[in-house]
């Protein structure tokens, strides 16, 4: 088990509370601009993409691995590009990965 740096936890908690307090004191008006809203709308997909890529292709920090997970993500991407619902994308990607792992 890795040790916890309580100073880090306290600093992150204070920063989170500081952001919330800044909204109460008027910073929300500054962040409500159209440019900021546009950028904020692009952040969740970019972060999700980064997580998917990391979890799909990296198992060892020194290696890039292409295995069943990559095929599952590719099949899920095809379903997403065909405008399939999110639950179907996840189901097809997971099922593809599971079947390939069972066969291999």
C-alpha atoms as a PDB file:
ATOM      1  CA  UNK A   1       0.000   0.000   0.000  1.00  0.00           C
ATOM      2  CA  UNK A   2       1.352   3.412  -0.945  1.00  0.00           C
ATOM      3  CA  UNK A   3       1.466   6.139   1.692  1.00  0.00           C
ATOM      4  CA  UNK A   4      -0.985   9.006   1.441  1.00  0.00           C
ATOM      5  CA  UNK A   5       0.300  12.546   1.328  1.00  0.00           C
ATOM      6  CA  UNK A   6      -2.239  14.326   3.491  1.00  0.00           C
ATOM      7  CA  UNK A   7      -0.846  17.703   2.487  1.00  0.00           C
ATOM      8  CA  UNK A   8      -1.749  16.911  -1.108  1.00  0.00           C
ATOM      9  CA  UNK A   9      -5.273  15.890  -0.087  1.00  0.00           C
ATOM     10  CA  UNK A  10      -5.709  19.092   1.921  1.00  0.00           C
ATOM     11  CA  UNK A  11      -4.391  21.298  -0.910  1.00  0.00           C
ATOM     12  CA  UNK A  12      -6.737  19.679  -3.438  1.00  0.00           C
ATOM     13  CA  UNK A  13      -9.682  20.051  -1.034  1.00  0.00           C
ATOM     14  CA  UNK A  14      -8.844  23.720  -0.461  1.00  0.00           C
ATOM     15  CA  UNK A  15      -8.539  24.305  -4.216  1.00  0.00           C
ATOM     16  CA  UNK A  16     -11.909  22.680  -4.851  1.00  0.00           C
ATOM     17  CA  UNK A  17     -13.545  24.794  -2.176  1.00  0.00           C
ATOM     18  CA  UNK A  18     -11.784  27.872  -3.566  1.00  0.00           C
ATOM     19  CA  UNK A  19     -13.272  27.292  -7.022  1.00  0.00           C
ATOM     20  CA  UNK A  20     -16.741  26.948  -5.522  1.00  0.00           C
ATOM     21  CA  UNK A  21     -16.256  30.104  -3.430  1.00  0.00           C
ATOM     22  CA  UNK A  22     -15.012  31.998  -6.509  1.00  0.00           C
ATOM     23  CA  UNK A  23     -18.318  31.241  -8.212  1.00  0.00           C
ATOM     24  CA  UNK A  24     -20.208  32.673  -5.255  1.00  0.00           C
ATOM     25  CA  UNK A  25     -18.179  35.885  -5.410  1.00  0.00           C
ATOM     26  CA  UNK A  26     -18.768  36.679  -9.059  1.00  0.00           C
ATOM     27  CA  UNK A  27     -16.151  34.733 -10.969  1.00  0.00           C
ATOM     28  CA  UNK A  28     -19.031  32.759 -12.480  1.00  0.00           C
ATOM     29  CA  UNK A  29     -19.871  35.745 -14.713  1.00  0.00           C
ATOM     30  CA  UNK A  30     -16.364  35.717 -16.163  1.00  0.00           C
ATOM     31  CA  UNK A  31     -16.501  31.985 -16.827  1.00  0.00           C
ATOM     32  CA  UNK A  32     -19.965  32.180 -18.394  1.00  0.00           C
ATOM     33  CA  UNK A  33     -18.662  33.702 -21.630  1.00  0.00           C
ATOM     34  CA  UNK A  34     -19.325  31.952 -24.954  1.00  0.00           C
ATOM     35  CA  UNK A  35     -15.650  31.126 -25.564  1.00  0.00           C
ATOM     36  CA  UNK A  36     -15.281  29.553 -22.116  1.00  0.00           C
ATOM     37  CA  UNK A  37     -18.463  27.528 -22.583  1.00  0.00           C
ATOM     38  CA  UNK A  38     -17.187  26.281 -25.941  1.00  0.00           C
ATOM     39  CA  UNK A  39     -13.880  25.184 -24.426  1.00  0.00           C
ATOM     40  CA  UNK A  40     -15.639  23.589 -21.450  1.00  0.00           C
ATOM     41  CA  UNK A  41     -17.806  21.602 -23.863  1.00  0.00           C
ATOM     42  CA  UNK A  42     -14.711  20.129 -25.512  1.00  0.00           C
ATOM     43  CA  UNK A  43     -12.992  19.025 -22.296  1.00  0.00           C
ATOM     44  CA  UNK A  44     -15.095  15.954 -21.347  1.00  0.00           C
ATOM     45  CA  UNK A  45     -14.687  14.178 -24.717  1.00  0.00           C
ATOM     46  CA  UNK A  46     -10.953  14.910 -24.730  1.00  0.00           C
ATOM     47  CA  UNK A  47     -10.519  13.547 -21.210  1.00  0.00           C
ATOM     48  CA  UNK A  48     -12.606  10.465 -22.005  1.00  0.00           C
ATOM     49  CA  UNK A  49     -10.532   9.846 -25.134  1.00  0.00           C
ATOM     50  CA  UNK A  50      -7.333  10.085 -23.095  1.00  0.00           C
ATOM     51  CA  UNK A  51      -8.650   7.578 -20.554  1.00  0.00           C
ATOM     52  CA  UNK A  52      -9.792   5.141 -23.243  1.00  0.00           C
ATOM     53  CA  UNK A  53      -6.446   5.281 -25.040  1.00  0.00           C
ATOM     54  CA  UNK A  54      -4.505   4.841 -21.808  1.00  0.00           C
ATOM     55  CA  UNK A  55      -6.603   1.900 -20.641  1.00  0.00           C
ATOM     56  CA  UNK A  56      -6.612   0.257 -24.064  1.00  0.00           C
ATOM     57  CA  UNK A  57      -2.995   0.432 -25.154  1.00  0.00           C
ATOM     58  CA  UNK A  58      -0.845   0.812 -22.024  1.00  0.00           C
ATOM     59  CA  UNK A  59      -0.316  -2.072 -19.610  1.00  0.00           C
ATOM     60  CA  UNK A  60       3.322  -1.373 -18.860  1.00  0.00           C
ATOM     61  CA  UNK A  61       4.690   2.191 -18.819  1.00  0.00           C
ATOM     62  CA  UNK A  62       7.448   1.147 -21.213  1.00  0.00           C
ATOM     63  CA  UNK A  63       5.320  -0.754 -23.734  1.00  0.00           C
ATOM     64  CA  UNK A  64       2.495  -0.099 -26.154  1.00  0.00           C
ATOM     65  CA  UNK A  65       0.260  -3.170 -26.317  1.00  0.00           C
ATOM     66  CA  UNK A  66      -2.274  -3.967 -29.024  1.00  0.00           C
ATOM     67  CA  UNK A  67      -4.497  -6.849 -27.977  1.00  0.00           C
ATOM     68  CA  UNK A  68      -8.186  -7.775 -27.709  1.00  0.00           C
ATOM     69  CA  UNK A  69      -9.019  -4.478 -26.029  1.00  0.00           C
ATOM     70  CA  UNK A  70      -7.930  -2.532 -29.102  1.00  0.00           C
ATOM     71  CA  UNK A  71     -10.216  -4.614 -31.309  1.00  0.00           C
ATOM     72  CA  UNK A  72     -13.101  -4.053 -28.890  1.00  0.00           C
ATOM     73  CA  UNK A  73     -12.544  -0.297 -28.909  1.00  0.00           C
ATOM     74  CA  UNK A  74     -12.345  -0.304 -32.721  1.00  0.00           C
ATOM     75  CA  UNK A  75     -15.625  -2.221 -33.033  1.00  0.00           C
ATOM     76  CA  UNK A  76     -17.234   0.141 -30.505  1.00  0.00           C
ATOM     77  CA  UNK A  77     -15.982   3.106 -32.525  1.00  0.00           C
ATOM     78  CA  UNK A  78     -17.619   1.700 -35.658  1.00  0.00           C
ATOM     79  CA  UNK A  79     -20.935   1.369 -33.811  1.00  0.00           C
ATOM     80  CA  UNK A  80     -20.545   4.934 -32.502  1.00  0.00           C
ATOM     81  CA  UNK A  81     -19.814   6.237 -35.999  1.00  0.00           C
ATOM     82  CA  UNK A  82     -23.011   4.537 -37.200  1.00  0.00           C
ATOM     83  CA  UNK A  83     -24.842   6.618 -34.556  1.00  0.00           C
ATOM     84  CA  UNK A  84     -25.560   3.673 -32.281  1.00  0.00           C
ATOM     85  CA  UNK A  85     -26.732   4.473 -28.750  1.00  0.00           C
ATOM     86  CA  UNK A  86     -24.078   4.631 -26.037  1.00  0.00           C
ATOM     87  CA  UNK A  87     -25.284   1.489 -24.288  1.00  0.00           C
ATOM     88  CA  UNK A  88     -24.930  -0.442 -27.554  1.00  0.00           C
ATOM     89  CA  UNK A  89     -21.406   0.896 -28.127  1.00  0.00           C
ATOM     90  CA  UNK A  90     -20.345  -0.274 -24.658  1.00  0.00           C
ATOM     91  CA  UNK A  91     -22.120  -3.624 -25.005  1.00  0.00           C
ATOM     92  CA  UNK A  92     -20.643  -4.422 -28.433  1.00  0.00           C
ATOM     93  CA  UNK A  93     -17.130  -3.312 -27.435  1.00  0.00           C
ATOM     94  CA  UNK A  94     -17.232  -5.352 -24.232  1.00  0.00           C
ATOM     95  CA  UNK A  95     -18.694  -8.408 -25.916  1.00  0.00           C
ATOM     96  CA  UNK A  96     -16.106  -8.271 -28.704  1.00  0.00           C
ATOM     97  CA  UNK A  97     -13.271  -8.073 -26.197  1.00  0.00           C
ATOM     98  CA  UNK A  98     -14.734 -10.904 -24.111  1.00  0.00           C
ATOM     99  CA  UNK A  99     -15.206 -13.200 -27.093  1.00  0.00           C
ATOM    100  CA  UNK A 100     -11.676 -12.548 -28.372  1.00  0.00           C
ATOM    101  CA  UNK A 101     -10.211 -13.202 -24.920  1.00  0.00           C
ATOM    102  CA  UNK A 102     -12.160 -16.461 -24.676  1.00  0.00           C
ATOM    103  CA  UNK A 103     -11.004 -17.628 -28.109  1.00  0.00           C
ATOM    104  CA  UNK A 104      -7.357 -16.641 -27.643  1.00  0.00           C
END
